[in-house]
N, C-alpha and C. Protein backbone atom coordinates (compact mmCIF):
# COMPACT_ATOMS: atom_id res chain seq x y z
N UNK A 1 140.05 96.95 102.14
CA UNK A 1 140.46 95.77 101.40
C UNK A 1 139.48 94.64 101.68
N UNK A 2 139.07 93.96 100.62
CA UNK A 2 138.11 92.86 100.73
C UNK A 2 138.86 91.55 100.65
N UNK A 3 138.58 90.66 101.58
CA UNK A 3 139.20 89.33 101.58
C UNK A 3 138.15 88.32 101.14
N UNK A 4 138.50 87.54 100.14
CA UNK A 4 137.60 86.51 99.64
C UNK A 4 138.09 85.16 100.12
N UNK A 5 137.24 84.40 100.78
CA UNK A 5 137.59 83.07 101.24
C UNK A 5 137.33 82.09 100.11
N UNK A 6 138.35 81.36 99.71
CA UNK A 6 138.23 80.37 98.65
C UNK A 6 138.03 78.99 99.25
N UNK A 7 137.16 78.21 98.62
CA UNK A 7 136.91 76.84 99.03
C UNK A 7 137.32 75.91 97.92
N UNK A 8 137.94 74.82 98.26
CA UNK A 8 138.33 73.82 97.27
C UNK A 8 137.06 73.17 96.71
N UNK A 9 136.93 73.08 95.38
CA UNK A 9 135.73 72.46 94.82
C UNK A 9 135.67 70.95 95.03
N UNK A 10 136.77 70.34 95.46
CA UNK A 10 136.80 68.89 95.65
C UNK A 10 136.51 68.49 97.10
N UNK A 11 137.15 69.18 98.06
CA UNK A 11 136.99 68.78 99.46
C UNK A 11 136.37 69.87 100.33
N UNK A 12 136.09 71.04 99.76
CA UNK A 12 135.53 72.19 100.47
C UNK A 12 136.47 72.73 101.55
N UNK A 13 137.76 72.41 101.46
CA UNK A 13 138.74 72.92 102.41
C UNK A 13 139.08 74.37 102.13
N UNK A 14 139.71 75.02 103.12
CA UNK A 14 140.05 76.43 102.97
C UNK A 14 141.56 76.67 102.94
N UNK A 15 142.36 75.63 103.00
CA UNK A 15 143.82 75.78 102.95
C UNK A 15 144.25 75.85 101.48
N UNK A 16 144.08 77.04 100.87
CA UNK A 16 144.30 77.24 99.46
C UNK A 16 145.45 78.22 99.27
N UNK A 17 146.34 77.94 98.30
CA UNK A 17 147.42 78.85 97.96
C UNK A 17 147.43 79.06 96.44
N UNK A 18 147.98 80.20 96.01
CA UNK A 18 148.12 80.46 94.58
C UNK A 18 149.17 79.51 94.02
N UNK A 19 148.96 79.10 92.76
CA UNK A 19 149.87 78.13 92.16
C UNK A 19 150.12 78.46 90.69
N UNK A 20 150.55 79.68 90.42
CA UNK A 20 150.89 80.07 89.05
C UNK A 20 149.68 80.49 88.25
N UNK A 21 149.88 80.59 86.94
CA UNK A 21 148.82 81.01 86.03
C UNK A 21 148.71 80.03 84.88
N UNK A 22 147.53 79.99 84.27
CA UNK A 22 147.30 79.15 83.10
C UNK A 22 147.88 79.85 81.89
N UNK A 23 148.01 79.16 80.75
CA UNK A 23 148.48 79.83 79.53
C UNK A 23 147.58 80.99 79.10
N UNK A 24 146.31 80.98 79.52
CA UNK A 24 145.40 82.07 79.19
C UNK A 24 145.50 83.23 80.18
N UNK A 25 146.34 83.09 81.20
CA UNK A 25 146.54 84.16 82.17
C UNK A 25 145.64 84.11 83.38
N UNK A 26 144.90 83.04 83.57
CA UNK A 26 144.01 82.93 84.73
C UNK A 26 144.77 82.35 85.92
N UNK A 27 144.40 82.78 87.12
CA UNK A 27 145.07 82.35 88.34
C UNK A 27 144.72 80.90 88.65
N UNK A 28 145.74 80.11 88.94
CA UNK A 28 145.57 78.71 89.32
C UNK A 28 145.78 78.62 90.83
N UNK A 29 144.98 77.79 91.50
CA UNK A 29 145.08 77.60 92.95
C UNK A 29 145.36 76.14 93.26
N UNK A 30 145.98 75.91 94.43
CA UNK A 30 146.29 74.55 94.87
C UNK A 30 145.72 74.35 96.26
N UNK A 31 145.06 73.23 96.47
CA UNK A 31 144.53 72.87 97.78
C UNK A 31 145.61 72.12 98.56
N UNK A 32 145.85 72.54 99.79
CA UNK A 32 146.86 71.87 100.61
C UNK A 32 146.24 71.00 101.70
N UNK A 33 144.96 70.72 101.59
CA UNK A 33 144.32 69.82 102.55
C UNK A 33 144.80 68.39 102.31
N UNK A 34 144.79 67.59 103.34
CA UNK A 34 145.26 66.21 103.25
C UNK A 34 144.39 65.38 102.30
N UNK A 35 143.09 65.64 102.27
CA UNK A 35 142.18 64.86 101.44
C UNK A 35 142.42 65.08 99.94
N UNK A 36 142.85 66.26 99.56
CA UNK A 36 143.03 66.58 98.13
C UNK A 36 144.41 66.19 97.62
N UNK A 37 145.39 66.16 98.44
CA UNK A 37 146.74 65.77 98.05
C UNK A 37 147.30 66.67 96.95
N UNK A 38 147.10 67.99 97.10
CA UNK A 38 147.71 68.95 96.19
C UNK A 38 147.01 69.17 94.88
N UNK A 39 145.72 68.91 94.78
CA UNK A 39 144.99 69.13 93.54
C UNK A 39 144.92 70.62 93.22
N UNK A 40 144.94 70.94 91.93
CA UNK A 40 144.87 72.33 91.51
C UNK A 40 143.53 72.59 90.82
N UNK A 41 143.12 73.86 90.80
CA UNK A 41 141.89 74.27 90.15
C UNK A 41 141.96 75.75 89.84
N UNK A 42 141.06 76.21 88.95
CA UNK A 42 140.90 77.63 88.69
C UNK A 42 139.45 77.98 88.95
N UNK A 43 139.18 79.25 89.20
CA UNK A 43 137.82 79.65 89.58
C UNK A 43 136.88 79.76 88.40
N UNK A 44 137.32 80.34 87.30
CA UNK A 44 136.43 80.51 86.15
C UNK A 44 137.10 79.93 84.90
N UNK A 45 136.56 78.84 84.43
CA UNK A 45 137.13 78.15 83.29
C UNK A 45 136.76 78.86 81.99
N UNK A 46 137.68 78.86 81.02
CA UNK A 46 137.42 79.48 79.72
C UNK A 46 136.39 78.66 78.95
N UNK A 47 136.44 77.35 79.06
CA UNK A 47 135.51 76.46 78.39
C UNK A 47 134.58 75.86 79.44
N UNK A 48 133.27 76.01 79.28
CA UNK A 48 132.34 75.56 80.33
C UNK A 48 132.37 74.05 80.59
N UNK A 49 132.85 73.27 79.64
CA UNK A 49 132.89 71.82 79.82
C UNK A 49 133.90 71.35 80.86
N UNK A 50 134.75 72.23 81.34
CA UNK A 50 135.75 71.86 82.33
C UNK A 50 135.27 71.98 83.76
N UNK A 51 134.17 72.70 83.99
CA UNK A 51 133.72 72.93 85.36
C UNK A 51 133.01 71.69 85.92
N UNK A 52 133.11 71.51 87.21
CA UNK A 52 132.49 70.36 87.87
C UNK A 52 130.98 70.38 87.73
N UNK A 53 130.41 71.59 87.75
CA UNK A 53 128.95 71.72 87.66
C UNK A 53 128.44 71.17 86.32
N UNK A 54 129.10 71.53 85.23
CA UNK A 54 128.68 71.05 83.91
C UNK A 54 128.91 69.56 83.79
N UNK A 55 130.01 69.06 84.32
CA UNK A 55 130.28 67.62 84.26
C UNK A 55 129.20 66.83 85.00
N UNK A 56 128.74 67.36 86.12
CA UNK A 56 127.67 66.69 86.87
C UNK A 56 126.36 66.76 86.10
N UNK A 57 126.11 67.89 85.42
CA UNK A 57 124.89 68.02 84.63
C UNK A 57 124.89 67.04 83.47
N UNK A 58 126.05 66.78 82.88
CA UNK A 58 126.14 65.81 81.79
C UNK A 58 125.68 64.43 82.26
N UNK A 59 126.17 64.02 83.41
CA UNK A 59 125.80 62.71 83.96
C UNK A 59 124.31 62.68 84.31
N UNK A 60 123.80 63.75 84.93
CA UNK A 60 122.39 63.80 85.30
C UNK A 60 121.49 63.73 84.07
N UNK A 61 121.85 64.46 83.02
CA UNK A 61 121.03 64.45 81.81
C UNK A 61 121.05 63.06 81.15
N UNK A 62 122.19 62.38 81.19
CA UNK A 62 122.27 61.04 80.62
C UNK A 62 121.40 60.06 81.40
N UNK A 63 121.39 60.20 82.71
CA UNK A 63 120.56 59.32 83.53
C UNK A 63 119.07 59.58 83.32
N UNK A 64 118.72 60.78 82.89
CA UNK A 64 117.33 61.12 82.63
C UNK A 64 116.92 60.89 81.19
N UNK A 65 117.80 60.29 80.38
CA UNK A 65 117.44 59.88 79.04
C UNK A 65 117.75 60.88 77.94
N UNK A 66 118.49 61.93 78.21
CA UNK A 66 118.85 62.88 77.16
C UNK A 66 119.96 62.28 76.30
N UNK A 67 119.90 62.55 75.01
CA UNK A 67 120.92 62.07 74.10
C UNK A 67 122.18 62.92 74.16
N UNK A 68 123.21 62.45 73.49
CA UNK A 68 124.50 63.13 73.50
C UNK A 68 124.40 64.50 72.83
N UNK A 69 123.77 64.55 71.67
CA UNK A 69 123.66 65.82 70.95
C UNK A 69 122.78 66.81 71.70
N UNK A 70 121.70 66.31 72.28
CA UNK A 70 120.81 67.17 73.05
C UNK A 70 121.54 67.76 74.26
N UNK A 71 122.29 66.93 74.97
CA UNK A 71 123.05 67.38 76.12
C UNK A 71 124.08 68.42 75.72
N UNK A 72 124.78 68.17 74.62
CA UNK A 72 125.80 69.12 74.15
C UNK A 72 125.18 70.45 73.77
N UNK A 73 124.03 70.43 73.13
CA UNK A 73 123.38 71.66 72.70
C UNK A 73 122.89 72.46 73.90
N UNK A 74 122.29 71.81 74.87
CA UNK A 74 121.74 72.50 76.04
C UNK A 74 122.85 73.10 76.90
N UNK A 75 123.92 72.36 77.11
CA UNK A 75 125.01 72.82 77.99
C UNK A 75 126.06 73.64 77.25
N UNK A 76 125.93 73.75 75.93
CA UNK A 76 126.85 74.51 75.08
C UNK A 76 128.29 74.01 75.20
N UNK A 77 128.43 72.69 75.09
CA UNK A 77 129.73 72.03 75.03
C UNK A 77 129.74 71.14 73.80
N UNK A 78 130.90 70.61 73.46
CA UNK A 78 130.98 69.74 72.28
C UNK A 78 130.49 68.33 72.62
N UNK A 79 130.11 67.61 71.57
CA UNK A 79 129.65 66.24 71.77
C UNK A 79 130.79 65.35 72.27
N UNK A 80 132.02 65.65 71.85
CA UNK A 80 133.15 64.85 72.33
C UNK A 80 133.37 65.04 73.83
N UNK A 81 133.07 66.23 74.35
CA UNK A 81 133.16 66.46 75.79
C UNK A 81 132.14 65.61 76.53
N UNK A 82 130.94 65.54 76.00
CA UNK A 82 129.88 64.74 76.62
C UNK A 82 130.27 63.27 76.62
N UNK A 83 130.75 62.77 75.48
CA UNK A 83 131.13 61.36 75.38
C UNK A 83 132.29 61.05 76.33
N UNK A 84 133.28 61.93 76.37
CA UNK A 84 134.44 61.71 77.25
C UNK A 84 134.01 61.64 78.71
N UNK A 85 133.12 62.53 79.12
CA UNK A 85 132.68 62.54 80.51
C UNK A 85 131.85 61.30 80.84
N UNK A 86 131.02 60.86 79.91
CA UNK A 86 130.22 59.65 80.16
C UNK A 86 131.09 58.41 80.22
N UNK A 87 132.12 58.34 79.38
CA UNK A 87 133.04 57.20 79.45
C UNK A 87 133.81 57.19 80.76
N UNK A 88 134.22 58.37 81.19
CA UNK A 88 134.96 58.48 82.46
C UNK A 88 134.07 58.06 83.61
N UNK A 89 132.80 58.47 83.58
CA UNK A 89 131.88 58.12 84.65
C UNK A 89 131.56 56.64 84.63
N UNK A 90 131.51 56.03 83.45
CA UNK A 90 131.24 54.60 83.33
C UNK A 90 132.33 53.78 84.01
N UNK A 91 133.59 54.17 83.81
CA UNK A 91 134.69 53.42 84.43
C UNK A 91 134.67 53.60 85.94
N UNK A 92 134.23 54.74 86.44
CA UNK A 92 134.13 54.96 87.89
C UNK A 92 133.01 54.13 88.50
N UNK A 93 131.93 53.90 87.75
CA UNK A 93 130.79 53.13 88.26
C UNK A 93 131.09 51.65 88.32
N UNK A 94 131.97 51.14 87.45
CA UNK A 94 132.26 49.71 87.40
C UNK A 94 133.17 49.25 88.53
N UNK A 95 133.83 50.14 89.21
CA UNK A 95 134.78 49.73 90.26
C UNK A 95 134.12 49.45 91.55
């Protein structure tokens, strides 16, 4: 039997428990570390725009001067996903 150690994508903690399934049937996990306060995540998202890696790439490409359509085409996400993530990041930067 192979045991896979899961790490929380937010705090890198290892206190992870299963927390039901998504409507698509994928396993959902919950982090029980104090820093995360019960945040949930799944390992493989059906839409690539939901992963933290792609969200970070959206911000990086915007900082390097890429346009919204160019970013959406390269990362294979919709333009509305790019705009939503940039607006969310803008509000985080102003605080």
